[in-house]
Amino acid sequence: MAKYIKRFIRPAAFAAAGAALGLAYYSLAGCTGSCPITSSPAITAAYLSVIGLLLSAATAKDKEKEKK
């Protein structure tokens, strides 16, 4: 069970960091109304959390390659 939970800690951390950065970006440089991504804090956080998930997958080490 611990291995199963440990597998999701890294992607969840990247997604949470992306959402936090999205909210920070919205509050510092967000657009008002006309920009589709930065018009709402929820949309900005969602987009950047998806980017965080993609970064997590791109930077993950492949355990099968390490064994060889």
N, C-alpha and C. Protein backbone atom coordinates (compact mmCIF):
# COMPACT_ATOMS: atom_id res chain seq x y z
N MET A 1 0.82 -1.19 0.00
CA MET A 1 0.00 0.00 0.00
C MET A 1 0.86 1.26 0.00
N ALA A 2 1.98 1.23 0.71
CA ALA A 2 2.84 2.41 0.78
C ALA A 2 3.46 2.71 -0.59
N LYS A 3 3.82 1.68 -1.36
CA LYS A 3 4.38 1.90 -2.69
C LYS A 3 3.34 2.53 -3.61
N TYR A 4 2.10 2.14 -3.44
CA TYR A 4 1.01 2.68 -4.26
C TYR A 4 0.82 4.17 -3.98
N ILE A 5 0.85 4.53 -2.71
CA ILE A 5 0.68 5.93 -2.33
C ILE A 5 1.91 6.74 -2.72
N LYS A 6 3.09 6.17 -2.54
CA LYS A 6 4.33 6.86 -2.85
C LYS A 6 4.43 7.20 -4.34
N ARG A 7 3.79 6.40 -5.16
CA ARG A 7 3.81 6.61 -6.60
C ARG A 7 3.11 7.90 -7.01
N PHE A 8 2.15 8.37 -6.20
CA PHE A 8 1.37 9.54 -6.55
C PHE A 8 1.80 10.81 -5.82
N ILE A 9 2.79 10.71 -4.95
CA ILE A 9 3.23 11.89 -4.19
C ILE A 9 3.90 12.91 -5.11
N ARG A 10 4.80 12.47 -5.96
CA ARG A 10 5.52 13.39 -6.85
C ARG A 10 4.58 14.11 -7.82
N PRO A 11 3.69 13.41 -8.55
CA PRO A 11 2.78 14.14 -9.43
C PRO A 11 1.84 15.09 -8.68
N ALA A 12 1.41 14.69 -7.50
CA ALA A 12 0.53 15.57 -6.72
C ALA A 12 1.27 16.82 -6.26
N ALA A 13 2.53 16.66 -5.90
CA ALA A 13 3.33 17.82 -5.49
C ALA A 13 3.56 18.77 -6.66
N PHE A 14 3.85 18.22 -7.84
CA PHE A 14 4.04 19.05 -9.02
C PHE A 14 2.75 19.77 -9.40
N ALA A 15 1.62 19.07 -9.30
CA ALA A 15 0.34 19.70 -9.63
C ALA A 15 0.00 20.80 -8.63
N ALA A 16 0.26 20.57 -7.36
CA ALA A 16 -0.01 21.59 -6.34
C ALA A 16 0.90 22.81 -6.53
N ALA A 17 2.15 22.56 -6.87
CA ALA A 17 3.07 23.68 -7.12
C ALA A 17 2.64 24.46 -8.36
N GLY A 18 2.18 23.76 -9.38
CA GLY A 18 1.70 24.43 -10.58
C GLY A 18 0.46 25.27 -10.30
N ALA A 19 -0.43 24.75 -9.49
CA ALA A 19 -1.64 25.51 -9.13
C ALA A 19 -1.27 26.74 -8.31
N ALA A 20 -0.33 26.60 -7.40
CA ALA A 20 0.11 27.75 -6.60
C ALA A 20 0.77 28.81 -7.47
N LEU A 21 1.59 28.37 -8.43
CA LEU A 21 2.21 29.31 -9.35
C LEU A 21 1.16 29.97 -10.25
N GLY A 22 0.13 29.21 -10.61
CA GLY A 22 -0.95 29.78 -11.41
C GLY A 22 -1.71 30.86 -10.67
N LEU A 23 -1.97 30.64 -9.41
CA LEU A 23 -2.65 31.66 -8.61
C LEU A 23 -1.76 32.87 -8.40
N ALA A 24 -0.47 32.65 -8.21
CA ALA A 24 0.45 33.77 -8.07
C ALA A 24 0.54 34.57 -9.36
N TYR A 25 0.58 33.87 -10.49
CA TYR A 25 0.62 34.56 -11.77
C TYR A 25 -0.66 35.36 -12.00
N TYR A 26 -1.79 34.79 -11.64
CA TYR A 26 -3.06 35.50 -11.80
C TYR A 26 -3.09 36.77 -10.97
N SER A 27 -2.60 36.68 -9.74
CA SER A 27 -2.66 37.86 -8.88
C SER A 27 -1.64 38.92 -9.27
N LEU A 28 -0.50 38.52 -9.85
CA LEU A 28 0.54 39.48 -10.21
C LEU A 28 0.39 40.03 -11.63
N ALA A 29 0.04 39.18 -12.59
CA ALA A 29 0.05 39.62 -13.98
C ALA A 29 -1.20 39.19 -14.73
N GLY A 30 -2.25 38.83 -14.04
CA GLY A 30 -3.45 38.33 -14.69
C GLY A 30 -4.14 39.37 -15.55
N CYS A 31 -4.79 38.90 -16.57
CA CYS A 31 -5.53 39.74 -17.50
C CYS A 31 -6.97 39.87 -16.99
N THR A 32 -7.66 40.91 -17.38
CA THR A 32 -9.03 41.10 -16.91
C THR A 32 -10.02 40.89 -18.05
N GLY A 33 -10.51 39.68 -18.19
CA GLY A 33 -11.62 39.42 -19.08
C GLY A 33 -11.31 38.92 -20.47
N SER A 34 -10.36 39.49 -21.18
CA SER A 34 -10.18 39.14 -22.59
C SER A 34 -9.22 37.97 -22.81
N CYS A 35 -8.38 37.66 -21.87
CA CYS A 35 -7.42 36.56 -22.02
C CYS A 35 -8.09 35.26 -21.59
N PRO A 36 -8.12 34.24 -22.43
CA PRO A 36 -8.84 33.02 -22.07
C PRO A 36 -8.22 32.24 -20.91
N ILE A 37 -6.90 32.24 -20.79
CA ILE A 37 -6.27 31.46 -19.73
C ILE A 37 -6.22 32.22 -18.42
N THR A 38 -5.91 33.48 -18.46
CA THR A 38 -5.72 34.24 -17.23
C THR A 38 -6.92 35.09 -16.82
N SER A 39 -8.08 34.82 -17.38
CA SER A 39 -9.25 35.61 -17.02
C SER A 39 -9.88 35.17 -15.70
N SER A 40 -9.58 33.97 -15.26
CA SER A 40 -10.13 33.43 -14.02
C SER A 40 -9.01 32.75 -13.23
N PRO A 41 -9.00 32.90 -11.91
CA PRO A 41 -7.94 32.23 -11.14
C PRO A 41 -8.06 30.71 -11.18
N ALA A 42 -9.28 30.19 -11.28
CA ALA A 42 -9.46 28.74 -11.33
C ALA A 42 -8.92 28.17 -12.64
N ILE A 43 -9.15 28.86 -13.74
CA ILE A 43 -8.65 28.38 -15.03
C ILE A 43 -7.13 28.45 -15.07
N THR A 44 -6.57 29.53 -14.56
CA THR A 44 -5.11 29.67 -14.54
C THR A 44 -4.48 28.58 -13.68
N ALA A 45 -5.05 28.31 -12.52
CA ALA A 45 -4.53 27.25 -11.65
C ALA A 45 -4.67 25.88 -12.30
N ALA A 46 -5.77 25.64 -12.98
CA ALA A 46 -5.98 24.35 -13.64
C ALA A 46 -4.97 24.14 -14.77
N TYR A 47 -4.76 25.14 -15.59
CA TYR A 47 -3.80 25.01 -16.68
C TYR A 47 -2.40 24.74 -16.15
N LEU A 48 -1.98 25.49 -15.16
CA LEU A 48 -0.62 25.31 -14.67
C LEU A 48 -0.47 24.04 -13.83
N SER A 49 -1.54 23.53 -13.24
CA SER A 49 -1.43 22.25 -12.56
C SER A 49 -1.27 21.11 -13.58
N VAL A 50 -1.92 21.23 -14.73
CA VAL A 50 -1.72 20.24 -15.80
C VAL A 50 -0.28 20.31 -16.32
N ILE A 51 0.25 21.52 -16.45
CA ILE A 51 1.64 21.67 -16.87
C ILE A 51 2.57 21.05 -15.82
N GLY A 52 2.23 21.20 -14.54
CA GLY A 52 3.01 20.57 -13.49
C GLY A 52 2.98 19.06 -13.58
N LEU A 53 1.82 18.49 -13.89
CA LEU A 53 1.72 17.04 -14.08
C LEU A 53 2.57 16.58 -15.26
N LEU A 54 2.55 17.34 -16.34
CA LEU A 54 3.36 16.98 -17.50
C LEU A 54 4.84 17.06 -17.19
N LEU A 55 5.25 18.07 -16.44
CA LEU A 55 6.65 18.17 -16.03
C LEU A 55 7.05 17.02 -15.11
N SER A 56 6.14 16.61 -14.26
CA SER A 56 6.42 15.48 -13.38
C SER A 56 6.65 14.21 -14.18
N ALA A 57 5.84 14.00 -15.19
CA ALA A 57 6.00 12.80 -16.03
C ALA A 57 7.27 12.89 -16.87
N ALA A 58 7.60 14.08 -17.33
CA ALA A 58 8.78 14.24 -18.18
C ALA A 58 10.08 14.09 -17.41
N THR A 59 10.07 14.43 -16.13
CA THR A 59 11.30 14.36 -15.35
C THR A 59 11.40 13.11 -14.49
N ALA A 60 10.43 12.23 -14.58
CA ALA A 60 10.45 11.00 -13.77
C ALA A 60 11.51 10.04 -14.31
N LYS A 61 12.15 9.37 -13.39
CA LYS A 61 13.16 8.39 -13.78
C LYS A 61 12.48 7.07 -14.10
N ASP A 62 12.97 6.42 -15.12
CA ASP A 62 12.45 5.10 -15.50
C ASP A 62 13.20 4.05 -14.71
N LYS A 63 12.51 3.35 -13.83
CA LYS A 63 13.15 2.39 -12.94
C LYS A 63 13.68 1.17 -13.70
N GLU A 64 13.07 0.82 -14.83
CA GLU A 64 13.57 -0.31 -15.60
C GLU A 64 14.93 0.00 -16.24
N LYS A 65 15.13 1.25 -16.65
CA LYS A 65 16.43 1.63 -17.22
C LYS A 65 17.51 1.65 -16.16
N GLU A 66 17.16 1.99 -14.91
CA GLU A 66 18.13 2.03 -13.83
C GLU A 66 18.62 0.63 -13.47
N LYS A 67 17.77 -0.38 -13.63
CA LYS A 67 18.15 -1.74 -13.27
C LYS A 67 19.19 -2.32 -14.21
N LYS A 68 19.22 -1.87 -15.45
CA LYS A 68 20.12 -2.43 -16.46
C LYS A 68 21.49 -1.88 -16.36
